[in-house]
PDB file of N, CA and C in Angstrom:
ATOM      1  N   MET A   1       0.869  -1.325  -0.064  1.00  0.00           N
ATOM      2  CA  MET A   1      -0.227   0.181  -0.279  1.00  0.00           C
ATOM      3  C   MET A   1       0.697   1.065  -0.256  1.00  0.00           C
ATOM      4  N   GLY A   2       0.342   2.454  -0.479  1.00  0.00           N
ATOM      5  CA  GLY A   2       1.090   3.285  -0.828  1.00  0.00           C
ATOM      6  C   GLY A   2       1.284   4.196   0.692  1.00  0.00           C
ATOM      7  N   ARG A   3       2.121   5.210   0.523  1.00  0.00           N
ATOM      8  CA  ARG A   3       2.242   6.087   1.831  1.00  0.00           C
ATOM      9  C   ARG A   3       1.073   7.048   1.647  1.00  0.00           C
ATOM     10  N   MET A   4       0.471   7.218   3.143  1.00  0.00           N
ATOM     11  CA  MET A   4      -0.739   8.305   3.291  1.00  0.00           C
ATOM     12  C   MET A   4      -0.342  10.093   3.052  1.00  0.00           C
ATOM     13  N   VAL A   5      -0.791  10.523   2.183  1.00  0.00           N
ATOM     14  CA  VAL A   5      -0.543  11.965   2.071  1.00  0.00           C
ATOM     15  C   VAL A   5      -2.156  12.496   2.199  1.00  0.00           C
ATOM     16  N   GLY A   6      -2.143  13.648   2.476  1.00  0.00           N
ATOM     17  CA  GLY A   6      -3.801  13.752   2.499  1.00  0.00           C
ATOM     18  C   GLY A   6      -4.958  13.428   2.726  1.00  0.00           C
ATOM     19  N   ILE A   7      -6.059  13.134   2.341  1.00  0.00           N
ATOM     20  CA  ILE A   7      -6.578  11.874   2.353  1.00  0.00           C
ATOM     21  C   ILE A   7      -6.669  10.729   1.688  1.00  0.00           C
ATOM     22  N   GLY A   8      -5.949  10.656   0.519  1.00  0.00           N
ATOM     23  CA  GLY A   8      -5.694   9.211   0.078  1.00  0.00           C
ATOM     24  C   GLY A   8      -3.979   9.246   0.040  1.00  0.00           C
ATOM     25  N   THR A   9      -3.689   8.455  -1.071  1.00  0.00           N
ATOM     26  CA  THR A   9      -2.625   7.570  -0.937  1.00  0.00           C
ATOM     27  C   THR A   9      -2.034   7.933  -2.455  1.00  0.00           C
ATOM     28  N   VAL A  10      -0.440   7.676  -2.505  1.00  0.00           N
ATOM     29  CA  VAL A  10      -0.201   8.291  -3.602  1.00  0.00           C
ATOM     30  C   VAL A  10      -0.626   7.159  -4.845  1.00  0.00           C
ATOM     31  N   ASN A  11      -0.776   6.102  -4.587  1.00  0.00           N
ATOM     32  CA  ASN A  11      -0.714   4.775  -5.420  1.00  0.00           C
ATOM     33  C   ASN A  11      -2.619   5.348  -5.793  1.00  0.00           C
ATOM     34  N   ASP A  12      -3.133   6.153  -5.637  1.00  0.00           N
ATOM     35  CA  ASP A  12      -4.824   6.621  -5.835  1.00  0.00           C
ATOM     36  C   ASP A  12      -4.662   7.521  -7.055  1.00  0.00           C
ATOM     37  N   VAL A  13      -3.348   8.233  -7.129  1.00  0.00           N
ATOM     38  CA  VAL A  13      -3.257   9.365  -7.959  1.00  0.00           C
ATOM     39  C   VAL A  13      -3.780   9.113  -9.494  1.00  0.00           C
ATOM     40  N   PRO A  14      -2.443   7.885  -9.960  1.00  0.00           N
ATOM     41  CA  PRO A  14      -2.712   7.505 -11.170  1.00  0.00           C
ATOM     42  C   PRO A  14      -4.047   6.838 -11.720  1.00  0.00           C
ATOM     43  N   ARG A  15      -4.657   5.975 -11.035  1.00  0.00           N
ATOM     44  CA  ARG A  15      -6.389   5.923 -10.895  1.00  0.00           C
ATOM     45  C   ARG A  15      -7.117   7.109 -11.297  1.00  0.00           C
ATOM     46  N   ALA A  16      -6.848   7.847 -10.534  1.00  0.00           N
ATOM     47  CA  ALA A  16      -7.986   9.350 -10.537  1.00  0.00           C
ATOM     48  C   ALA A  16      -7.851   9.947 -11.586  1.00  0.00           C
ATOM     49  N   ARG A  17      -6.557   9.912 -12.057  1.00  0.00           N
ATOM     50  CA  ARG A  17      -5.914  10.838 -13.320  1.00  0.00           C
ATOM     51  C   ARG A  17      -6.373   9.823 -14.693  1.00  0.00           C
ATOM     52  N   ALA A  18      -6.713   8.704 -14.431  1.00  0.00           N
ATOM     53  CA  ALA A  18      -7.121   7.622 -15.584  1.00  0.00           C
ATOM     54  C   ALA A  18      -8.626   7.817 -15.735  1.00  0.00           C
ATOM     55  N   GLU A  19      -9.264   7.843 -14.454  1.00  0.00           N
ATOM     56  CA  GLU A  19     -10.731   8.291 -14.385  1.00  0.00           C
ATOM     57  C   GLU A  19     -11.075   9.256 -15.051  1.00  0.00           C
ATOM     58  N   HIS A  20     -10.492  10.474 -14.585  1.00  0.00           N
ATOM     59  CA  HIS A  20     -10.639  11.981 -15.002  1.00  0.00           C
ATOM     60  C   HIS A  20     -10.531  11.969 -16.720  1.00  0.00           C
ATOM     61  N   ALA A  21      -9.561  11.555 -17.142  1.00  0.00           N
ATOM     62  CA  ALA A  21      -9.143  11.064 -18.692  1.00  0.00           C
ATOM     63  C   ALA A  21     -10.316  10.632 -19.071  1.00  0.00           C
ATOM     64  N   ALA A  22     -10.896   9.210 -18.610  1.00  0.00           N
ATOM     65  CA  ALA A  22     -12.155   8.455 -19.543  1.00  0.00           C
ATOM     66  C   ALA A  22     -13.266   9.355 -19.639  1.00  0.00           C
ATOM     67  N   ARG A  23     -13.490  10.341 -18.433  1.00  0.00           N
ATOM     68  CA  ARG A  23     -14.675  11.017 -18.025  1.00  0.00           C
ATOM     69  C   ARG A  23     -14.696  12.439 -18.808  1.00  0.00           C
ATOM     70  N   MET A  24     -13.115  12.518 -18.945  1.00  0.00           N
ATOM     71  CA  MET A  24     -13.337  13.565 -19.929  1.00  0.00           C
ATOM     72  C   MET A  24     -13.359  13.179 -21.891  1.00  0.00           C
ATOM     73  N   GLU A  25     -12.644  11.783 -21.475  1.00  0.00           N
ATOM     74  CA  GLU A  25     -13.196  11.375 -23.430  1.00  0.00           C
ATOM     75  C   GLU A  25     -14.462  11.395 -23.427  1.00  0.00           C
ATOM     76  N   GLU A  26     -15.373  10.470 -22.941  1.00  0.00           N
ATOM     77  CA  GLU A  26     -17.035  10.763 -22.517  1.00  0.00           C
ATOM     78  C   GLU A  26     -17.490  12.043 -23.177  1.00  0.00           C
ATOM     79  N   GLU A  27     -17.034  13.267 -22.094  1.00  0.00           N
ATOM     80  CA  GLU A  27     -17.725  14.305 -22.470  1.00  0.00           C
ATOM     81  C   GLU A  27     -17.556  15.063 -23.918  1.00  0.00           C
ATOM     82  N   SER A  28     -16.179  14.496 -24.517  1.00  0.00           N
ATOM     83  CA  SER A  28     -15.846  14.607 -25.527  1.00  0.00           C
ATOM     84  C   SER A  28     -16.608  14.337 -26.834  1.00  0.00           C
ATOM     85  N   SER A  29     -16.672  13.097 -26.669  1.00  0.00           N
ATOM     86  CA  SER A  29     -17.451  12.558 -27.670  1.00  0.00           C
ATOM     87  C   SER A  29     -18.736  13.199 -27.586  1.00  0.00           C
ATOM     88  N   LEU A  30     -19.431  12.770 -25.975  1.00  0.00           N
ATOM     89  CA  LEU A  30     -20.991  13.472 -26.343  1.00  0.00           C
ATOM     90  C   LEU A  30     -20.762  14.746 -27.222  1.00  0.00           C
ATOM     91  N   ARG A  31     -19.999  15.583 -27.054  1.00  0.00           N
ATOM     92  CA  ARG A  31     -19.979  17.114 -27.421  1.00  0.00           C
ATOM     93  C   ARG A  31     -20.115  16.690 -29.005  1.00  0.00           C
ATOM     94  N   ARG A  32     -19.477  15.926 -29.257  1.00  0.00           N
ATOM     95  CA  ARG A  32     -19.072  15.733 -30.838  1.00  0.00           C
ATOM     96  C   ARG A  32     -20.884  15.313 -31.750  1.00  0.00           C
ATOM     97  N   ASP A  33     -20.961  14.156 -30.868  1.00  0.00           N
ATOM     98  CA  ASP A  33     -22.253  13.547 -30.796  1.00  0.00           C
ATOM     99  C   ASP A  33     -23.508  14.368 -31.556  1.00  0.00           C
ATOM    100  N   LEU A  34     -23.418  15.301 -29.980  1.00  0.00           N
ATOM    101  CA  LEU A  34     -24.395  16.504 -30.686  1.00  0.00           C
ATOM    102  C   LEU A  34     -24.124  17.298 -31.647  1.00  0.00           C
ATOM    103  N   THR A  35     -22.498  17.715 -31.749  1.00  0.00           N
ATOM    104  CA  THR A  35     -22.141  19.072 -32.964  1.00  0.00           C
ATOM    105  C   THR A  35     -22.515  18.212 -33.726  1.00  0.00           C
ATOM    106  N   ALA A  36     -22.551  17.325 -34.158  1.00  0.00           N
ATOM    107  CA  ALA A  36     -23.124  16.503 -35.554  1.00  0.00           C
ATOM    108  C   ALA A  36     -24.552  16.315 -35.688  1.00  0.00           C
ATOM    109  N   ALA A  37     -25.222  16.128 -34.374  1.00  0.00           N
ATOM    110  CA  ALA A  37     -27.038  16.143 -34.675  1.00  0.00           C
ATOM    111  C   ALA A  37     -27.228  17.219 -34.885  1.00  0.00           C
ATOM    112  N   LYS A  38     -26.633  18.286 -34.446  1.00  0.00           N
ATOM    113  CA  LYS A  38     -27.305  19.972 -34.449  1.00  0.00           C
ATOM    114  C   LYS A  38     -26.848  19.924 -36.522  1.00  0.00           C
ATOM    115  N   GLU A  39     -25.860  19.929 -36.825  1.00  0.00           N
ATOM    116  CA  GLU A  39     -25.557  20.054 -38.125  1.00  0.00           C
ATOM    117  C   GLU A  39     -26.615  19.112 -39.033  1.00  0.00           C
ATOM    118  N   VAL A  40     -27.003  17.833 -38.680  1.00  0.00           N
ATOM    119  CA  VAL A  40     -28.072  17.668 -39.613  1.00  0.00           C
ATOM    120  C   VAL A  40     -29.307  17.786 -39.476  1.00  0.00           C
ATOM    121  N   ILE A  41     -29.767  18.736 -38.201  1.00  0.00           N
ATOM    122  CA  ILE A  41     -30.938  19.458 -38.053  1.00  0.00           C
ATOM    123  C   ILE A  41     -30.803  20.570 -38.603  1.00  0.00           C
ATOM    124  N   ALA A  42     -29.708  21.407 -38.548  1.00  0.00           N
ATOM    125  CA  ALA A  42     -29.840  22.704 -39.418  1.00  0.00           C
ATOM    126  C   ALA A  42     -30.040  22.153 -40.902  1.00  0.00           C
ATOM    127  N   ASN A  43     -29.250  21.012 -41.240  1.00  0.00           N
ATOM    128  CA  ASN A  43     -29.409  20.618 -43.081  1.00  0.00           C
ATOM    129  C   ASN A  43     -30.996  20.584 -43.131  1.00  0.00           C
ATOM    130  N   HIS A  44     -31.476  20.434 -42.009  1.00  0.00           N
ATOM    131  CA  HIS A  44     -32.967  19.703 -42.432  1.00  0.00           C
ATOM    132  C   HIS A  44     -34.024  20.389 -42.086  1.00  0.00           C
ATOM    133  N   ARG A  45     -33.364  21.603 -41.834  1.00  0.00           N
ATOM    134  CA  ARG A  45     -34.587  22.839 -41.530  1.00  0.00           C
ATOM    135  C   ARG A  45     -35.125  23.354 -42.262  1.00  0.00           C
ATOM    136  N   ASP A  46     -34.649  23.809 -43.548  1.00  0.00           N
ATOM    137  CA  ASP A  46     -35.871  24.239 -44.471  1.00  0.00           C
ATOM    138  C   ASP A  46     -36.466  23.231 -45.237  1.00  0.00           C
ATOM    139  N   ASN A  47     -35.948  21.849 -44.883  1.00  0.00           N
ATOM    140  CA  ASN A  47     -37.436  20.829 -45.725  1.00  0.00           C
ATOM    141  C   ASN A  47     -38.490  20.909 -44.559  1.00  0.00           C
ATOM    142  N   PHE A  48     -38.123  21.244 -43.044  1.00  0.00           N
ATOM    143  CA  PHE A  48     -38.877  20.903 -42.228  1.00  0.00           C
ATOM    144  C   PHE A  48     -40.098  22.323 -42.259  1.00  0.00           C
ATOM    145  N   THR A  49     -39.212  22.935 -42.697  1.00  0.00           N
ATOM    146  CA  THR A  49     -40.130  24.520 -42.707  1.00  0.00           C
ATOM    147  C   THR A  49     -41.056  24.474 -44.254  1.00  0.00           C
ATOM    148  N   PHE A  50     -40.921  23.891 -44.772  1.00  0.00           N
ATOM    149  CA  PHE A  50     -41.133  24.046 -46.126  1.00  0.00           C
ATOM    150  C   PHE A  50     -42.788  23.110 -45.768  1.00  0.00           C
ATOM    151  N   MET A  51     -42.367  22.043 -45.350  1.00  0.00           N
ATOM    152  CA  MET A  51     -43.533  21.263 -44.818  1.00  0.00           C
ATOM    153  C   MET A  51     -44.489  21.472 -44.324  1.00  0.00           C
ATOM    154  N   ALA A  52     -43.930  22.205 -43.052  1.00  0.00           N
ATOM    155  CA  ALA A  52     -44.565  22.986 -41.757  1.00  0.00           C
ATOM    156  C   ALA A  52     -45.461  24.099 -42.685  1.00  0.00           C
ATOM    157  N   ASN A  53     -44.904  25.041 -43.597  1.00  0.00           N
ATOM    158  CA  ASN A  53     -45.930  26.107 -44.227  1.00  0.00           C
ATOM    159  C   ASN A  53     -46.957  25.327 -45.320  1.00  0.00           C
ATOM    160  N   ILE A  54     -46.501  24.006 -46.112  1.00  0.00           N
ATOM    161  CA  ILE A  54     -47.424  23.484 -46.764  1.00  0.00           C
ATOM    162  C   ILE A  54     -48.929  22.959 -45.997  1.00  0.00           C
ATOM    163  N   PHE A  55     -48.534  22.187 -44.514  1.00  0.00           N
ATOM    164  CA  PHE A  55     -49.581  22.410 -44.070  1.00  0.00           C
ATOM    165  C   PHE A  55     -50.411  23.021 -43.468  1.00  0.00           C
ATOM    166  N   ASP A  56     -49.416  24.562 -43.260  1.00  0.00           N
ATOM    167  CA  ASP A  56     -50.580  25.949 -42.832  1.00  0.00           C
ATOM    168  C   ASP A  56     -51.180  26.020 -43.463  1.00  0.00           C
ATOM    169  N   LEU A  57     -51.132  26.190 -45.043  1.00  0.00           N
ATOM    170  CA  LEU A  57     -51.850  26.378 -46.254  1.00  0.00           C
ATOM    171  C   LEU A  57     -52.454  25.817 -46.191  1.00  0.00           C
ATOM    172  N   MET A  58     -52.435  24.499 -46.075  1.00  0.00           N
ATOM    173  CA  MET A  58     -53.340  23.507 -46.372  1.00  0.00           C
ATOM    174  C   MET A  58     -55.016  23.538 -45.253  1.00  0.00           C
ATOM    175  N   ILE A  59     -54.222  23.805 -44.127  1.00  0.00           N
ATOM    176  CA  ILE A  59     -54.953  23.841 -43.325  1.00  0.00           C
ATOM    177  C   ILE A  59     -55.930  25.102 -43.355  1.00  0.00           C
ATOM    178  N   GLU A  60     -55.030  25.871 -43.658  1.00  0.00           N
ATOM    179  CA  GLU A  60     -55.563  27.616 -43.671  1.00  0.00           C
ATOM    180  C   GLU A  60     -56.768  27.688 -44.646  1.00  0.00           C
ATOM    181  N   SER A  61     -56.507  26.923 -45.609  1.00  0.00           N
ATOM    182  CA  SER A  61     -57.150  27.292 -46.968  1.00  0.00           C
ATOM    183  C   SER A  61     -58.475  26.573 -47.148  1.00  0.00           C
ATOM    184  N   THR A  62     -58.695  25.448 -47.117  1.00  0.00           N
ATOM    185  CA  THR A  62     -59.503  24.444 -46.992  1.00  0.00           C
ATOM    186  C   THR A  62     -60.665  24.571 -46.218  1.00  0.00           C
ATOM    187  N   PRO A  63     -61.657  25.110 -46.459  1.00  0.00           N
ATOM    188  CA  PRO A  63     -62.620  25.259 -46.023  1.00  0.00           C
ATOM    189  C   PRO A  63     -63.601  24.325 -45.184  1.00  0.00           C
ATOM    190  N   ASN A  64     -63.524  22.860 -45.394  1.00  0.00           N
ATOM    191  CA  ASN A  64     -64.143  21.802 -44.554  1.00  0.00           C
ATOM    192  C   ASN A  64     -62.988  21.127 -43.851  1.00  0.00           C
ATOM    193  N   VAL A  65     -61.831  21.543 -43.571  1.00  0.00           N
ATOM    194  CA  VAL A  65     -60.817  20.820 -42.798  1.00  0.00           C
ATOM    195  C   VAL A  65     -61.373  20.171 -41.537  1.00  0.00           C
ATOM    196  N   ASN A  66     -60.888  19.068 -41.504  1.00  0.00           N
ATOM    197  CA  ASN A  66     -61.494  18.575 -39.640  1.00  0.00           C
ATOM    198  C   ASN A  66     -60.900  19.114 -38.884  1.00  0.00           C
ATOM    199  N   PRO A  67     -61.535  19.372 -37.939  1.00  0.00           N
ATOM    200  CA  PRO A  67     -61.054  20.282 -36.745  1.00  0.00           C
ATOM    201  C   PRO A  67     -60.278  19.452 -35.789  1.00  0.00           C
ATOM    202  N   THR A  68     -60.442  18.072 -35.911  1.00  0.00           N
ATOM    203  CA  THR A  68     -59.299  17.675 -34.763  1.00  0.00           C
ATOM    204  C   THR A  68     -58.249  17.614 -35.386  1.00  0.00           C
ATOM    205  N   LEU A  69     -57.986  17.263 -36.985  1.00  0.00           N
ATOM    206  CA  LEU A  69     -56.947  17.262 -37.519  1.00  0.00           C
ATOM    207  C   LEU A  69     -56.143  18.555 -37.661  1.00  0.00           C
ATOM    208  N   ALA A  70     -56.611  19.762 -37.862  1.00  0.00           N
ATOM    209  CA  ALA A  70     -56.426  20.934 -37.680  1.00  0.00           C
ATOM    210  C   ALA A  70     -55.791  21.653 -36.164  1.00  0.00           C
ATOM    211  N   ASP A  71     -56.625  20.944 -34.851  1.00  0.00           N
ATOM    212  CA  ASP A  71     -55.884  21.115 -33.907  1.00  0.00           C
ATOM    213  C   ASP A  71     -54.686  20.221 -33.535  1.00  0.00           C
ATOM    214  N   ARG A  72     -54.520  18.837 -34.077  1.00  0.00           N
ATOM    215  CA  ARG A  72     -53.673  18.183 -34.027  1.00  0.00           C
ATOM    216  C   ARG A  72     -52.254  18.639 -34.771  1.00  0.00           C
ATOM    217  N   TRP A  73     -52.306  19.417 -35.794  1.00  0.00           N
ATOM    218  CA  TRP A  73     -51.389  20.038 -36.434  1.00  0.00           C
ATOM    219  C   TRP A  73     -50.799  21.150 -35.645  1.00  0.00           C
ATOM    220  N   LEU A  74     -52.122  21.917 -35.394  1.00  0.00           N
ATOM    221  CA  LEU A  74     -51.595  23.301 -34.139  1.00  0.00           C
ATOM    222  C   LEU A  74     -50.561  23.089 -33.192  1.00  0.00           C
ATOM    223  N   SER A  75     -51.278  21.973 -32.413  1.00  0.00           N
ATOM    224  CA  SER A  75     -50.542  21.377 -31.417  1.00  0.00           C
ATOM    225  C   SER A  75     -48.976  20.840 -31.306  1.00  0.00           C
ATOM    226  N   LEU A  76     -48.671  20.154 -32.958  1.00  0.00           N
ATOM    227  CA  LEU A  76     -47.538  19.770 -33.236  1.00  0.00           C
ATOM    228  C   LEU A  76     -46.668  20.693 -33.730  1.00  0.00           C
ATOM    229  N   ARG A  77     -46.767  21.497 -34.442  1.00  0.00           N
ATOM    230  CA  ARG A  77     -46.300  22.599 -35.140  1.00  0.00           C
ATOM    231  C   ARG A  77     -45.491  23.140 -34.653  1.00  0.00           C
ATOM    232  N   PRO A  78     -45.567  23.587 -33.423  1.00  0.00           N
ATOM    233  CA  PRO A  78     -44.090  24.014 -32.728  1.00  0.00           C
ATOM    234  C   PRO A  78     -42.622  22.949 -32.164  1.00  0.00           C
ATOM    235  N   ILE A  79     -43.230  21.773 -32.781  1.00  0.00           N
ATOM    236  CA  ILE A  79     -41.898  20.771 -32.362  1.00  0.00           C
ATOM    237  C   ILE A  79     -41.021  20.734 -34.034  1.00  0.00           C
ATOM    238  N   PHE A  80     -41.785  21.019 -34.908  1.00  0.00           N
ATOM    239  CA  PHE A  80     -41.415  20.984 -36.232  1.00  0.00           C
ATOM    240  C   PHE A  80     -40.948  22.698 -36.021  1.00  0.00           C
ATOM    241  N   ILE A  81     -40.912  23.538 -36.472  1.00  0.00           N
ATOM    242  CA  ILE A  81     -41.135  25.311 -36.421  1.00  0.00           C
ATOM    243  C   ILE A  81     -41.402  25.473 -34.993  1.00  0.00           C
ATOM    244  N   PRO A  82     -40.217  25.821 -34.438  1.00  0.00           N
ATOM    245  CA  PRO A  82     -40.577  26.670 -32.686  1.00  0.00           C
ATOM    246  C   PRO A  82     -41.191  28.028 -33.159  1.00  0.00           C
ATOM    247  N   ASP A  83     -41.287  28.716 -33.615  1.00  0.00           N
ATOM    248  CA  ASP A  83     -41.710  30.308 -33.843  1.00  0.00           C
ATOM    249  C   ASP A  83     -41.921  30.770 -35.530  1.00  0.00           C
ATOM    250  N   ARG A  84     -42.505  31.044 -35.883  1.00  0.00           N
ATOM    251  CA  ARG A  84     -42.732  31.686 -37.259  1.00  0.00           C
ATOM    252  C   ARG A  84     -42.768  32.982 -36.985  1.00  0.00           C
ATOM    253  N   THR A  85     -41.853  33.460 -37.889  1.00  0.00           N
ATOM    254  CA  THR A  85     -41.339  35.213 -38.285  1.00  0.00           C
ATOM    255  C   THR A  85     -42.655  35.741 -38.700  1.00  0.00           C
ATOM    256  N   PRO A  86     -42.778  37.245 -38.143  1.00  0.00           N
ATOM    257  CA  PRO A  86     -43.828  38.023 -39.054  1.00  0.00           C
ATOM    258  C   PRO A  86     -43.475  37.838 -40.188  1.00  0.00           C
ATOM    259  N   GLU A  87     -42.522  37.660 -41.141  1.00  0.00           N
ATOM    260  CA  GLU A  87     -42.926  37.977 -42.363  1.00  0.00           C
ATOM    261  C   GLU A  87     -42.943  36.491 -43.278  1.00  0.00           C
ATOM    262  N   GLU A  88     -42.746  34.927 -42.537  1.00  0.00           N
ATOM    263  CA  GLU A  88     -43.561  34.218 -42.622  1.00  0.00           C
ATOM    264  C   GLU A  88     -45.056  33.899 -42.263  1.00  0.00           C
ATOM    265  N   GLN A  89     -45.429  34.540 -41.393  1.00  0.00           N
ATOM    266  CA  GLN A  89     -46.639  34.752 -41.256  1.00  0.00           C
ATOM    267  C   GLN A  89     -47.592  35.421 -42.203  1.00  0.00           C
ATOM    268  N   ALA A  90     -46.726  36.843 -42.458  1.00  0.00           N
ATOM    269  CA  ALA A  90     -47.414  37.538 -43.570  1.00  0.00           C
ATOM    270  C   ALA A  90     -47.561  36.983 -45.178  1.00  0.00           C
ATOM    271  N   ASP A  91     -46.723  36.505 -45.197  1.00  0.00           N
ATOM    272  CA  ASP A  91     -46.141  35.748 -46.719  1.00  0.00           C
ATOM    273  C   ASP A  91     -47.455  34.264 -46.447  1.00  0.00           C
ATOM    274  N   LEU A  92     -47.561  33.809 -45.286  1.00  0.00           N
ATOM    275  CA  LEU A  92     -48.639  32.508 -45.317  1.00  0.00           C
ATOM    276  C   LEU A  92     -49.698  33.048 -45.318  1.00  0.00           C
ATOM    277  N   GLU A  93     -50.052  34.385 -45.021  1.00  0.00           N
ATOM    278  CA  GLU A  93     -51.602  34.797 -45.097  1.00  0.00           C
ATOM    279  C   GLU A  93     -51.926  35.406 -46.217  1.00  0.00           C
ATOM    280  N   GLN A  94     -51.158  35.933 -47.189  1.00  0.00           N
ATOM    281  CA  GLN A  94     -51.221  36.020 -48.334  1.00  0.00           C
ATOM    282  C   GLN A  94     -51.279  35.584 -49.536  1.00  0.00           C
ATOM    283  N   ARG A  95     -50.538  34.034 -49.229  1.00  0.00           N
ATOM    284  CA  ARG A  95     -50.373  33.210 -50.093  1.00  0.00           C
ATOM    285  C   ARG A  95     -51.953  32.664 -49.716  1.00  0.00           C
ATOM    286  N   ALA A  96     -52.394  32.429 -48.609  1.00  0.00           N
ATOM    287  CA  ALA A  96     -53.797  31.405 -48.299  1.00  0.00           C
ATOM    288  C   ALA A  96     -55.120  32.593 -49.256  1.00  0.00           C
ATOM    289  N   ASP A  97     -54.816  33.855 -48.678  1.00  0.00           N
ATOM    290  CA  ASP A  97     -55.714  34.629 -49.254  1.00  0.00           C
ATOM    291  C   ASP A  97     -55.816  34.747 -51.081  1.00  0.00           C
ATOM    292  N   GLU A  98     -54.435  34.449 -51.526  1.00  0.00           N
ATOM    293  CA  GLU A  98     -54.594  34.338 -53.488  1.00  0.00           C
ATOM    294  C   GLU A  98     -55.355  33.118 -53.705  1.00  0.00           C
ATOM    295  N   HIS A  99     -54.861  32.081 -52.773  1.00  0.00           N
ATOM    296  CA  HIS A  99     -54.949  30.584 -52.890  1.00  0.00           C
ATOM    297  C   HIS A  99     -56.575  30.741 -52.778  1.00  0.00           C
ATOM    298  N   SER A 100     -57.387  31.462 -51.994  1.00  0.00           N
ATOM    299  CA  SER A 100     -58.912  31.122 -51.739  1.00  0.00           C
ATOM    300  C   SER A 100     -59.490  32.225 -52.843  1.00  0.00           C
ATOM    301  N   SER A 101     -58.399  33.342 -53.330  1.00  0.00           N
ATOM    302  CA  SER A 101     -59.317  34.203 -54.156  1.00  0.00           C
ATOM    303  C   SER A 101     -58.884  33.293 -55.875  1.00  0.00           C
ATOM    304  N   ASP A 102     -58.202  32.890 -56.066  1.00  0.00           N
ATOM    305  CA  ASP A 102     -57.988  31.785 -57.130  1.00  0.00           C
ATOM    306  C   ASP A 102     -58.966  30.692 -57.375  1.00  0.00           C
ATOM    307  N   LEU A 103     -59.181  30.290 -55.664  1.00  0.00           N
ATOM    308  CA  LEU A 103     -60.380  29.246 -56.189  1.00  0.00           C
ATOM    309  C   LEU A 103     -62.061  29.960 -56.422  1.00  0.00           C
ATOM    310  N   PHE A 104     -62.382  31.027 -55.617  1.00  0.00           N
ATOM    311  CA  PHE A 104     -63.653  31.437 -55.658  1.00  0.00           C
ATOM    312  C   PHE A 104     -63.653  32.134 -57.357  1.00  0.00           C
ATOM    313  N   ASP A 105     -62.284  32.711 -57.762  1.00  0.00           N
ATOM    314  CA  ASP A 105     -62.606  32.738 -58.965  1.00  0.00           C
ATOM    315  C   ASP A 105     -62.982  31.677 -60.558  1.00  0.00           C
ATOM    316  N   LYS A 106     -62.177  30.634 -59.866  1.00  0.00           N
ATOM    317  CA  LYS A 106     -62.094  29.577 -60.844  1.00  0.00           C
ATOM    318  C   LYS A 106     -64.222  29.076 -60.671  1.00  0.00           C
ATOM    319  N   ILE A 107     -64.404  29.039 -59.902  1.00  0.00           N
ATOM    320  CA  ILE A 107     -66.081  28.982 -59.447  1.00  0.00           C
ATOM    321  C   ILE A 107     -66.850  30.240 -59.266  1.00  0.00           C
ATOM    322  N   ASN A 108     -66.451  31.034 -59.991  1.00  0.00           N
ATOM    323  CA  ASN A 108     -67.069  32.233 -60.058  1.00  0.00           C
ATOM    324  C   ASN A 108     -68.017  32.915 -58.989  1.00  0.00           C
ATOM    325  N   LEU A 109     -67.279  32.643 -57.805  1.00  0.00           N
ATOM    326  CA  LEU A 109     -67.947  33.370 -56.798  1.00  0.00           C
ATOM    327  C   LEU A 109     -67.172  34.501 -56.783  1.00  0.00           C
ATOM    328  N   ASN A 110     -66.703  35.346 -57.315  1.00  0.00           N
ATOM    329  CA  ASN A 110     -66.144  36.706 -57.056  1.00  0.00           C
ATOM    330  C   ASN A 110     -65.961  37.057 -58.003  1.00  0.00           C
ATOM    331  N   THR A 111     -67.403  37.591 -58.462  1.00  0.00           N
ATOM    332  CA  THR A 111     -68.062  38.366 -59.085  1.00  0.00           C
ATOM    333  C   THR A 111     -68.344  39.646 -58.762  1.00  0.00           C
TER     334      THR A 111
END
């Protein structure tokens, strides 16, 4: 057994260093994995935004949409796209109005 120094032995130092190194390597590995996951999410964010906007447009411009479906989408949307910017909201509303107007023109309701 090693000589007592402070609260541990001299033999405990290499073991403590090895444990610390293993812990640091594990943290580094987790950080690398997290960085890789963030990159994948960032790369697919445009696709998620596009899909979310399509769902928004379908729900807002379809007159007889199932209310349960609309409520479900509204509850899930923040998971895909956390916050819509004012520009995105204005664009979505404009597209919905144009789409509705086009539909009404096609069936001769806008006269």
